[in-house]
């Protein structure tokens, strides 16, 4: 029988009382006069999927290199598993796995030879391990195929298989679904959720907000080198001015509906289209009855109403736009 990750023995937890697997305190990186990372404090808890979000150029790659000991910070501290990080600390090779955004593989090798090489380097060779890891990422039939013939998505999968060879406690993923088709994205998503269920902590750096929203327990939003927000997925919307959205379906929109709804003290904004109203309201409170009363008083027939919290994309856009507005105000002043 070929072992899968779920068949392997449960890993020994060296420091079970450490709630934070990864922590940074006031992490800063400067290159001359340019500040790539500015006073960033991250908190990644054991067993969670943490989404590290930001547009290209936000400082995500710089942060990853610092966390992996490949760069030295200008200021601040990094702790892994409750211990200060030192460059080239052996624990990096025994307790973590890494998948970078760009894959530098040995094209002349087959997929099986490539994983066997790293299994030897990691001293984790056991019968069926290479085959199991290839099957887990959907590359089982490609075991004897040369890597040079692999597509970008296949190379991403092979890199993930390599990172999982030694069953790491903490997995760093930089843009893990880049280049994958929808079927491949779903397979990787299910694999990551399996890893989470058995206790693996996963740190995902990405700009694909919709996928992170499906996976992450908590997120940090990085923009222009600064951490704008960090927290649980369900609470992050609180950073967006405490807004929620009522989506209302009506048989027809009364002519005065938009103005009358905007006049309500708890309403931020209203948008209307044929048969539908979108009303942004304060998060604290249930205003469905007041909104319904206003609309029925205008003769509207309400077919349906639901409350929608801000999506991760909406939260991200609001926070980054607010940061740009603050920067513009500082420049003007």
Protein backbone atom coordinates (compact mmCIF):
# COMPACT_ATOMS: atom_id res chain seq x y z
CA UNK A 1 0.00 0.00 0.00
CA UNK A 2 1.33 3.44 -0.94
CA UNK A 3 1.44 5.76 2.08
CA UNK A 4 -0.26 9.13 1.91
CA UNK A 5 0.24 12.05 4.26
CA UNK A 6 -2.73 10.82 6.26
CA UNK A 7 -1.15 7.37 6.60
CA UNK A 8 2.08 8.74 8.09
CA UNK A 9 2.51 8.73 11.87
CA UNK A 10 1.45 11.90 13.64
CA UNK A 11 4.47 14.16 13.93
CA UNK A 12 6.06 14.73 17.31
CA UNK A 13 5.28 18.27 18.50
CA UNK A 14 8.47 19.59 20.05
CA UNK A 15 6.94 22.64 21.70
CA UNK A 16 3.19 22.05 22.10
CA UNK A 17 2.67 25.08 24.35
CA UNK A 18 3.75 27.53 21.66
CA UNK A 19 0.52 28.99 20.29
CA UNK A 20 2.36 31.16 17.76
CA UNK A 21 4.33 29.15 15.22
CA UNK A 22 5.55 32.30 13.49
CA UNK A 23 5.82 35.83 14.84
CA UNK A 24 7.49 39.03 13.69
CA UNK A 25 7.93 42.14 15.82
CA UNK A 26 8.37 45.52 14.09
CA UNK A 27 10.06 43.85 11.11
CA UNK A 28 11.70 46.41 8.83
CA UNK A 29 13.86 46.12 5.72
CA UNK A 30 15.53 49.08 4.02
CA UNK A 31 17.68 49.29 0.92
CA UNK A 32 19.44 52.62 1.22
CA UNK A 33 16.72 55.27 1.33
CA UNK A 34 14.02 52.85 0.15
CA UNK A 35 11.91 51.09 2.79
CA UNK A 36 10.68 47.78 1.41
CA UNK A 37 9.09 46.68 4.68
CA UNK A 38 8.02 49.02 7.47
CA UNK A 39 7.33 47.94 11.07
CA UNK A 40 5.47 44.71 10.24
CA UNK A 41 4.24 42.52 13.12
CA UNK A 42 2.71 39.18 12.07
CA UNK A 43 1.16 36.46 14.24
CA UNK A 44 0.65 32.97 12.76
CA UNK A 45 -0.98 30.42 15.05
CA UNK A 46 -0.37 26.70 15.15
CA UNK A 47 -2.60 24.69 12.81
CA UNK A 48 -4.13 27.59 10.89
CA UNK A 49 -4.00 28.69 7.27
CA UNK A 50 -2.73 32.27 7.20
CA UNK A 51 -3.27 34.33 4.06
CA UNK A 52 -0.61 36.98 3.45
CA UNK A 53 -2.10 39.34 0.90
CA UNK A 54 -0.90 42.25 -1.16
CA UNK A 55 -0.52 43.46 -4.73
CA UNK A 56 2.70 42.97 -6.66
CA UNK A 57 5.37 45.18 -5.14
CA UNK A 58 3.75 45.29 -1.70
CA UNK A 59 6.72 43.61 -0.02
CA UNK A 60 5.44 40.03 0.22
CA UNK A 61 8.52 38.44 -1.35
CA UNK A 62 10.84 40.52 0.84
CA UNK A 63 8.89 39.33 3.88
CA UNK A 64 9.13 35.69 2.78
CA UNK A 65 12.90 35.97 2.28
CA UNK A 66 13.27 37.47 5.75
CA UNK A 67 11.14 34.74 7.32
CA UNK A 68 13.26 32.07 5.64
CA UNK A 69 16.53 33.62 6.77
CA UNK A 70 17.61 34.56 3.24
CA UNK A 71 17.73 38.27 4.09
CA UNK A 72 18.72 40.07 7.27
CA UNK A 73 16.21 42.59 8.64
CA UNK A 74 17.25 46.19 9.12
CA UNK A 75 15.27 46.18 12.36
CA UNK A 76 12.84 43.96 14.22
CA UNK A 77 12.70 40.32 15.28
CA UNK A 78 11.48 37.01 13.85
CA UNK A 79 10.52 33.96 15.91
CA UNK A 80 9.80 30.47 14.57
CA UNK A 81 8.27 27.88 16.89
CA UNK A 82 8.83 30.27 19.79
CA UNK A 83 12.55 30.65 19.16
CA UNK A 84 14.51 33.55 17.64
CA UNK A 85 15.38 32.95 14.00
CA UNK A 86 19.04 32.84 13.10
CA UNK A 87 20.33 32.72 9.55
CA UNK A 88 20.77 29.17 8.26
CA UNK A 89 19.18 27.72 11.37
CA UNK A 90 18.94 23.93 10.83
CA UNK A 91 15.31 23.94 11.95
CA UNK A 92 14.46 25.54 8.59
CA UNK A 93 15.33 22.27 6.91
CA UNK A 94 13.69 19.93 9.40
CA UNK A 95 10.44 21.63 10.35
CA UNK A 96 9.34 23.72 7.37
CA UNK A 97 8.58 23.26 3.69
CA UNK A 98 8.72 25.96 1.01
CA UNK A 99 7.20 26.47 -2.43
CA UNK A 100 8.45 29.65 -4.09
CA UNK A 101 6.69 31.59 -6.83
CA UNK A 102 9.37 30.67 -9.38
CA UNK A 103 10.39 27.03 -9.64
CA UNK A 104 14.04 26.18 -10.29
CA UNK A 105 13.90 22.48 -11.04
CA UNK A 106 16.33 20.02 -12.62
CA UNK A 107 14.87 19.77 -16.10
CA UNK A 108 16.99 16.82 -17.16
CA UNK A 109 15.52 14.63 -14.41
CA UNK A 110 12.20 12.84 -14.34
CA UNK A 111 9.67 13.82 -11.67
CA UNK A 112 10.38 10.59 -9.77
CA UNK A 113 14.15 11.10 -9.88
CA UNK A 114 13.76 14.69 -8.69
CA UNK A 115 11.71 13.75 -5.62
CA UNK A 116 13.96 10.78 -4.87
CA UNK A 117 16.97 13.13 -4.83
CA UNK A 118 15.35 15.43 -2.29
CA UNK A 119 14.08 12.51 -0.23
CA UNK A 120 17.72 11.40 0.08
CA UNK A 121 18.85 14.93 0.99
CA UNK A 122 16.13 15.14 3.64
CA UNK A 123 16.82 11.59 4.84
CA UNK A 124 13.17 10.59 4.49
CA UNK A 125 13.35 7.77 1.96
CA UNK A 126 10.74 5.09 2.57
CA UNK A 127 8.99 2.69 0.25
CA UNK A 128 6.32 4.34 -1.85
CA UNK A 129 6.93 7.89 -0.56
CA UNK A 130 7.81 9.41 -3.94
CA UNK A 131 4.84 7.79 -5.62
CA UNK A 132 2.52 8.93 -2.82
CA UNK A 133 3.59 12.56 -3.04
CA UNK A 134 3.21 12.58 -6.83
CA UNK A 135 -0.28 11.09 -6.55
CA UNK A 136 -1.27 13.69 -3.95
CA UNK A 137 -0.55 16.56 -6.35
CA UNK A 138 -1.99 14.86 -9.42
CA UNK A 139 1.31 13.87 -11.04
CA UNK A 140 1.24 10.13 -10.44
CA UNK A 141 1.10 9.19 -14.15
CA UNK A 142 3.99 11.61 -14.87
CA UNK A 143 6.53 9.87 -12.62
CA UNK A 144 8.87 8.92 -15.47
CA UNK A 145 8.41 12.05 -17.55
CA UNK A 146 11.24 14.59 -17.84
CA UNK A 147 10.61 17.86 -16.01
CA UNK A 148 11.69 19.81 -19.09
CA UNK A 149 8.40 18.83 -20.72
CA UNK A 150 6.24 20.01 -17.80
CA UNK A 151 3.90 22.99 -18.05
CA UNK A 152 4.09 25.81 -15.51
CA UNK A 153 1.21 24.34 -13.55
CA UNK A 154 2.82 20.91 -13.45
CA UNK A 155 6.05 22.45 -12.17
CA UNK A 156 4.05 24.14 -9.39
CA UNK A 157 2.59 20.77 -8.40
CA UNK A 158 6.00 19.10 -8.40
CA UNK A 159 7.41 21.83 -6.16
CA UNK A 160 4.56 21.25 -3.70
CA UNK A 161 5.25 17.51 -3.72
CA UNK A 162 8.90 18.24 -2.90
CA UNK A 163 7.93 20.58 -0.04
CA UNK A 164 5.73 17.87 1.49
CA UNK A 165 8.30 15.06 1.36
CA UNK A 166 9.35 15.38 5.01
CA UNK A 167 5.84 16.16 6.37
CA UNK A 168 6.70 19.70 7.55
CA UNK A 169 5.03 21.41 10.50
CA UNK A 170 5.00 24.80 8.76
CA UNK A 171 4.48 25.18 5.02
CA UNK A 172 5.33 28.41 3.18
CA UNK A 173 3.58 28.85 -0.18
CA UNK A 174 4.27 31.78 -2.49
CA UNK A 175 1.49 32.06 -5.12
CA UNK A 176 0.77 28.29 -4.97
CA UNK A 177 -1.99 28.18 -7.62
CA UNK A 178 -0.34 30.34 -10.27
CA UNK A 179 -0.62 28.65 -13.64
CA UNK A 180 -3.12 26.00 -12.53
CA UNK A 181 -6.43 25.41 -14.30
CA UNK A 182 -9.64 25.38 -12.18
CA UNK A 183 -9.45 21.60 -11.71
CA UNK A 184 -5.85 21.85 -10.52
CA UNK A 185 -6.68 24.73 -8.17
CA UNK A 186 -9.43 22.67 -6.59
CA UNK A 187 -7.11 19.68 -6.11
CA UNK A 188 -4.45 21.81 -4.42
CA UNK A 189 -7.09 23.50 -2.25
CA UNK A 190 -8.38 20.13 -1.04
CA UNK A 191 -4.83 18.96 -0.36
CA UNK A 192 -4.08 22.06 1.73
CA UNK A 193 -7.26 21.59 3.73
CA UNK A 194 -6.24 17.96 4.37
CA UNK A 195 -2.89 19.18 5.67
CA UNK A 196 -4.59 21.69 7.93
CA UNK A 197 -6.84 18.96 9.36
CA UNK A 198 -3.82 17.00 10.50
CA UNK A 199 -2.21 20.01 12.15
CA UNK A 200 0.06 21.56 9.52
CA UNK A 201 0.36 25.34 9.72
CA UNK A 202 0.23 26.95 6.27
CA UNK A 203 1.42 30.44 5.34
CA UNK A 204 0.14 31.46 1.89
CA UNK A 205 1.45 34.58 0.20
CA UNK A 206 -0.82 35.52 -2.69
CA UNK A 207 -2.61 38.24 -4.63
CA UNK A 208 -5.46 35.89 -5.66
CA UNK A 209 -7.95 37.06 -3.07
CA UNK A 210 -10.82 34.74 -3.99
CA UNK A 211 -8.73 31.62 -3.36
CA UNK A 212 -7.34 32.89 -0.07
CA UNK A 213 -10.88 33.72 1.03
CA UNK A 214 -11.84 30.06 0.51
CA UNK A 215 -8.86 28.74 2.49
CA UNK A 216 -7.62 31.12 5.15
CA UNK A 217 -8.56 31.25 8.82
CA UNK A 218 -6.78 34.57 9.30
CA UNK A 219 -5.20 37.07 6.93
CA UNK A 220 -2.73 39.92 6.92
CA UNK A 221 -2.98 42.66 4.28
CA UNK A 222 0.31 44.22 3.20
CA UNK A 223 0.45 47.36 1.08
CA UNK A 224 3.44 49.55 0.22
CA UNK A 225 5.48 47.66 2.81
CA UNK A 226 3.03 48.27 5.66
CA UNK A 227 0.62 45.86 7.35
CA UNK A 228 -2.78 47.51 7.00
CA UNK A 229 -4.82 44.86 8.83
CA UNK A 230 -4.50 41.42 10.40
CA UNK A 231 -7.21 39.20 11.82
CA UNK A 232 -9.73 36.37 11.37
CA UNK A 233 -11.56 36.21 8.08
CA UNK A 234 -14.96 36.68 9.70
CA UNK A 235 -13.82 39.81 11.60
CA UNK A 236 -11.67 41.50 8.98
CA UNK A 237 -14.67 43.28 7.50
CA UNK A 238 -14.84 45.34 10.70
CA UNK A 239 -11.91 47.30 9.27
CA UNK A 240 -14.18 48.52 6.47
CA UNK A 241 -15.99 51.25 8.40
CA UNK A 242 -18.30 48.69 10.02
CA UNK A 243 -20.36 48.16 6.87
CA UNK A 244 -22.66 45.36 5.79
CA UNK A 245 -24.76 45.13 2.64
CA UNK A 246 -28.45 44.36 2.22
CA UNK A 247 -29.23 42.81 -1.16
CA UNK A 248 -32.94 43.28 -1.86
CA UNK A 249 -34.94 41.80 -4.73
CA UNK A 250 -38.17 43.63 -5.61
CA UNK A 251 -40.74 43.32 -8.39
CA UNK A 252 -39.90 46.93 -9.38
CA UNK A 253 -37.89 49.75 -7.82
CA UNK A 254 -40.05 52.74 -6.76
CA UNK A 255 -38.91 56.08 -8.16
CA UNK A 256 -38.19 57.57 -4.72
CA UNK A 257 -36.61 54.47 -3.21
CA UNK A 258 -32.95 55.47 -3.51
CA UNK A 259 -33.41 58.95 -1.99
CA UNK A 260 -35.67 57.71 0.81
CA UNK A 261 -33.26 54.91 1.76
CA UNK A 262 -30.23 57.20 1.67
CA UNK A 263 -32.02 59.49 4.13
CA UNK A 264 -32.09 56.74 6.79
CA UNK A 265 -29.45 57.43 9.49
CA UNK A 266 -27.87 53.97 9.35
CA UNK A 267 -27.47 53.86 5.54
CA UNK A 268 -24.12 54.64 3.87
CA UNK A 269 -25.06 54.20 0.24
CA UNK A 270 -27.70 52.77 -2.10
CA UNK A 271 -27.43 51.39 -5.63
CA UNK A 272 -30.39 50.43 -7.79
CA UNK A 273 -30.86 48.38 -10.93
CA UNK A 274 -34.04 46.83 -12.41
CA UNK A 275 -35.60 44.60 -9.77
CA UNK A 276 -32.74 44.94 -7.28
CA UNK A 277 -31.45 47.31 -4.59
CA UNK A 278 -28.08 47.17 -2.82
CA UNK A 279 -28.02 49.05 0.49
CA UNK A 280 -24.84 49.56 2.53
CA UNK A 281 -25.70 49.81 6.23
CA UNK A 282 -23.96 49.86 9.60
CA UNK A 283 -22.74 46.42 10.67
CA UNK A 284 -23.90 46.81 14.26
CA UNK A 285 -27.64 46.28 14.16
CA UNK A 286 -30.35 44.54 12.15
CA UNK A 287 -32.00 47.12 9.90
CA UNK A 288 -34.01 44.81 7.67
CA UNK A 289 -37.34 45.75 9.26
CA UNK A 290 -36.78 49.52 8.81
CA UNK A 291 -35.63 49.07 5.21
CA UNK A 292 -38.61 46.81 4.47
CA UNK A 293 -41.01 49.32 6.03
CA UNK A 294 -39.56 52.14 3.92
CA UNK A 295 -39.86 50.18 0.69
CA UNK A 296 -43.35 48.80 1.32
CA UNK A 297 -44.45 52.31 2.23
CA UNK A 298 -43.48 53.31 -1.30
CA UNK A 299 -45.49 50.45 -2.76
CA UNK A 300 -42.60 48.04 -3.41
CA UNK A 301 -43.15 44.30 -3.27
CA UNK A 302 -40.10 42.63 -1.69
CA UNK A 303 -39.33 39.21 -3.17
CA UNK A 304 -36.16 38.51 -1.18
CA UNK A 305 -33.57 40.08 1.12
CA UNK A 306 -30.21 38.88 2.42
CA UNK A 307 -27.35 40.36 4.41
CA UNK A 308 -23.90 40.14 2.86
CA UNK A 309 -20.73 40.98 4.76
CA UNK A 310 -17.85 42.64 2.86
CA UNK A 311 -15.87 40.17 0.77
CA UNK A 312 -12.12 39.89 1.15
CA UNK A 313 -11.71 41.72 -2.16
CA UNK A 314 -13.93 44.59 -0.98
CA UNK A 315 -12.04 44.80 2.31
CA UNK A 316 -8.72 44.78 0.50
CA UNK A 317 -9.76 47.49 -1.96
CA UNK A 318 -11.18 49.70 0.78
CA UNK A 319 -8.09 49.43 2.97
CA UNK A 320 -5.64 50.09 0.14
CA UNK A 321 -7.67 52.99 -1.26
CA UNK A 322 -7.87 54.47 2.23
CA UNK A 323 -4.10 54.14 2.56
CA UNK A 324 -3.58 55.94 -0.77
CA UNK A 325 -5.96 58.69 0.30
CA UNK A 326 -4.01 59.12 3.55
CA UNK A 327 -0.76 59.29 1.60
CA UNK A 328 -2.22 61.97 -0.70
CA UNK A 329 -3.37 63.99 2.33
CA UNK A 330 0.10 63.82 3.85
CA UNK A 331 1.68 64.95 0.57
CA UNK A 332 -0.76 67.89 0.29
CA UNK A 333 -0.08 68.94 3.87
